[in-house]
Amino acid sequence: MFANLTHATLRFIAFFNHLMILASSAIVTGLVSWFLDKYDYRGVNIVYQEVIATITLGFWLVGAVLPLVGRYRGHLAPLNLIFSYLWLTSFIFSAQDWSSDKCSFGQPGEGHCSRKKAIESFNFIAFFFLLCNTLVEMLLLRAEYATPVAAAHNKEISAGRPSDNSV
């Protein structure tokens, strides 16, 4: 199904995913930082969300431009997989803290449901694009390592065969 996609197309999809991850982490960092600045509450869940969003923002400031490099072949696939699970955990924390009727009275601060729901939404968006990017970058890695190995393997086989002129 994905075999016909070229490296350039996959790299463009990876670049788009990187931009969405960067934007989501910037929004979550900003909103959670606002809560941490305005309120004294420092629960484990909100601090976890801030740390993951900040670390992701740092990595993806550099990582967002990597797919534009011609030699990029999906080297961030393991990092995408790791961070997808970290963001899934962040989404679960925000859903536990602020879903349904818990938003109005859940910490930090009373109310601010629109901001809490935005954090929850962008946690999921970051998780989704990290998971999608893991698949795209694995396809890039597969395409990179499948072609040279097959060509080298065929070269070794043909090198070992005697030519017809030797008999």
Protein backbone atom coordinates (compact mmCIF):
# COMPACT_ATOMS: atom_id res chain seq x y z
CA MET A 1 0.00 0.00 0.00
CA PHE A 2 2.75 2.47 0.97
CA ALA A 3 5.41 1.00 -1.29
CA ASN A 4 4.70 3.50 -4.08
CA LEU A 5 5.33 6.55 -1.92
CA THR A 6 8.61 8.22 -2.74
CA HIS A 7 11.17 9.38 -0.22
CA ALA A 8 10.26 13.00 -0.93
CA THR A 9 6.57 12.38 -0.24
CA LEU A 10 7.29 10.51 2.97
CA ARG A 11 9.71 13.23 4.08
CA PHE A 12 7.04 15.89 3.40
CA ILE A 13 4.51 13.93 5.48
CA ALA A 14 7.11 13.59 8.24
CA PHE A 15 7.80 17.35 8.05
CA PHE A 16 4.07 18.10 8.40
CA ASN A 17 3.83 15.71 11.36
CA HIS A 18 6.86 17.36 12.96
CA LEU A 19 5.25 20.80 12.59
CA MET A 20 2.02 19.59 14.18
CA ILE A 21 3.97 18.05 17.07
CA LEU A 22 5.93 21.28 17.49
CA ALA A 23 2.74 23.39 17.47
CA SER A 24 0.93 21.09 19.91
CA SER A 25 3.83 21.03 22.33
CA ALA A 26 4.14 24.83 22.17
CA ILE A 27 0.43 25.27 22.92
CA VAL A 28 0.47 22.77 25.80
CA THR A 29 3.64 24.35 27.19
CA GLY A 30 2.06 27.80 27.08
CA LEU A 31 -1.25 26.79 28.65
CA VAL A 32 0.25 24.63 31.39
CA SER A 33 2.84 27.33 32.12
CA TRP A 34 -0.01 29.80 32.54
CA PHE A 35 -1.64 27.51 35.11
CA LEU A 36 1.64 26.98 36.95
CA ASP A 37 2.31 30.72 37.00
CA LYS A 38 -1.18 31.73 38.13
CA TYR A 39 -1.80 29.01 40.75
CA ASP A 40 0.34 27.46 43.46
CA TYR A 41 -0.93 23.95 42.71
CA ARG A 42 1.91 21.67 41.59
CA GLY A 43 0.30 18.23 41.25
CA VAL A 44 2.19 15.37 39.63
CA ASN A 45 -0.09 15.27 36.58
CA ILE A 46 0.25 18.91 35.58
CA VAL A 47 3.99 18.96 36.22
CA TYR A 48 4.34 15.82 34.08
CA GLN A 49 2.44 17.52 31.25
CA GLU A 50 4.67 20.57 31.47
CA VAL A 51 7.88 18.53 31.46
CA ILE A 52 6.85 16.36 28.49
CA ALA A 53 5.64 19.38 26.51
CA THR A 54 8.83 21.34 27.21
CA ILE A 55 11.16 18.46 26.34
CA THR A 56 9.21 17.78 23.15
CA LEU A 57 9.35 21.45 22.23
CA GLY A 58 13.13 21.44 22.63
CA PHE A 59 13.66 18.30 20.56
CA TRP A 60 11.24 19.23 17.81
CA LEU A 61 12.60 22.75 17.36
CA VAL A 62 15.57 20.99 15.78
CA GLY A 63 13.78 17.86 14.61
CA ALA A 64 11.12 19.73 12.65
CA VAL A 65 13.60 20.72 9.95
CA LEU A 66 15.31 17.33 9.64
CA PRO A 67 12.87 15.95 7.03
CA LEU A 68 13.86 18.85 4.77
CA VAL A 69 17.42 17.54 4.64
CA GLY A 70 17.90 15.38 1.55
CA ARG A 71 19.71 12.58 3.37
CA TYR A 72 17.09 12.24 6.12
CA ARG A 73 15.69 8.74 6.17
CA GLY A 74 13.56 8.52 9.31
CA HIS A 75 16.21 8.43 11.99
CA LEU A 76 13.82 9.84 14.61
CA ALA A 77 11.48 6.82 14.49
CA PRO A 78 12.54 5.46 17.93
CA LEU A 79 12.23 8.91 19.49
CA ASN A 80 8.76 9.32 17.95
CA LEU A 81 7.67 5.98 19.39
CA ILE A 82 8.95 6.83 22.88
CA PHE A 83 7.38 10.28 22.86
CA SER A 84 4.06 8.96 21.55
CA TYR A 85 3.70 6.89 24.72
CA LEU A 86 4.75 9.82 26.90
CA TRP A 87 2.10 12.00 25.24
CA LEU A 88 -0.51 9.24 25.59
CA THR A 89 0.22 9.28 29.32
CA SER A 90 -0.11 13.06 29.35
CA PHE A 91 -3.46 12.80 27.57
CA ILE A 92 -4.67 10.20 30.07
CA PHE A 93 -3.65 12.45 32.98
CA SER A 94 -5.50 15.43 31.54
CA ALA A 95 -8.57 13.32 30.77
CA GLN A 96 -8.62 11.93 34.31
CA ASP A 97 -8.24 15.38 35.83
CA TRP A 98 -10.60 17.45 33.69
CA SER A 99 -13.08 15.30 31.74
CA SER A 100 -16.83 15.53 32.24
CA ASP A 101 -17.85 17.49 35.35
CA LYS A 102 -14.37 17.53 36.92
CA CYS A 103 -13.32 20.53 34.84
CA SER A 104 -15.13 23.18 36.89
CA PHE A 105 -13.65 22.22 40.21
CA GLY A 106 -10.51 20.30 39.21
CA GLN A 107 -7.09 21.63 40.09
CA PRO A 108 -5.36 23.88 39.19
CA GLY A 109 -7.83 26.65 39.79
CA GLU A 110 -11.57 26.68 39.63
CA GLY A 111 -13.08 26.94 36.18
CA HIS A 112 -10.93 27.74 33.16
CA CYS A 113 -12.55 24.77 31.43
CA SER A 114 -11.75 26.02 27.94
CA ARG A 115 -8.03 26.08 28.74
CA LYS A 116 -8.13 22.69 30.40
CA LYS A 117 -10.02 21.19 27.44
CA ALA A 118 -7.51 22.81 25.07
CA ILE A 119 -4.64 21.13 26.96
CA GLU A 120 -6.47 17.82 26.78
CA SER A 121 -7.13 18.24 23.05
CA PHE A 122 -3.57 19.22 22.14
CA ASN A 123 -2.21 16.37 24.26
CA PHE A 124 -4.20 14.02 22.04
CA ILE A 125 -3.17 15.83 18.84
CA ALA A 126 0.51 15.54 19.78
CA PHE A 127 0.06 11.85 20.59
CA PHE A 128 -1.75 11.21 17.29
CA PHE A 129 0.84 12.94 15.12
CA LEU A 130 3.71 11.27 16.98
CA LEU A 131 2.12 7.90 16.36
CA CYS A 132 1.53 8.73 12.67
CA ASN A 133 5.07 10.01 12.38
CA THR A 134 6.42 6.79 13.88
CA LEU A 135 4.79 4.87 11.04
CA VAL A 136 6.01 7.30 8.38
CA GLU A 137 9.56 7.28 9.68
CA MET A 138 9.59 3.50 9.90
CA LEU A 139 8.58 3.42 6.23
CA LEU A 140 11.46 5.78 5.49
CA LEU A 141 13.87 3.55 7.42
CA ARG A 142 12.56 0.45 5.68
CA ALA A 143 12.96 2.03 2.27
CA GLU A 144 16.46 3.17 3.15
CA TYR A 145 17.76 -0.14 4.40
CA ALA A 146 15.79 -2.50 2.14
CA THR A 147 17.20 -1.28 -1.17
CA PRO A 148 20.96 -1.28 -0.43
CA VAL A 149 20.83 -4.63 1.37
CA ALA A 150 19.03 -6.32 -1.52
CA ALA A 151 21.45 -4.82 -4.05
CA ALA A 152 24.49 -5.85 -1.99
CA HIS A 153 23.07 -9.33 -1.49
CA ASN A 154 22.51 -9.79 -5.25
CA LYS A 155 26.04 -8.53 -5.95
CA GLU A 156 27.53 -11.09 -3.55
CA ILE A 157 25.58 -13.93 -5.13
CA SER A 158 26.61 -12.99 -8.66
CA ALA A 159 30.23 -12.52 -7.59
CA GLY A 160 30.36 -16.08 -6.31
CA ARG A 161 29.08 -17.69 -9.52
CA PRO A 162 31.62 -18.87 -12.06
CA SER A 163 31.41 -17.31 -15.47
CA ASP A 164 30.50 -19.37 -18.51
CA ASN A 165 33.90 -18.67 -20.13
CA SER A 166 35.87 -20.50 -17.42
CA VAL A 167 34.71 -23.97 -18.43
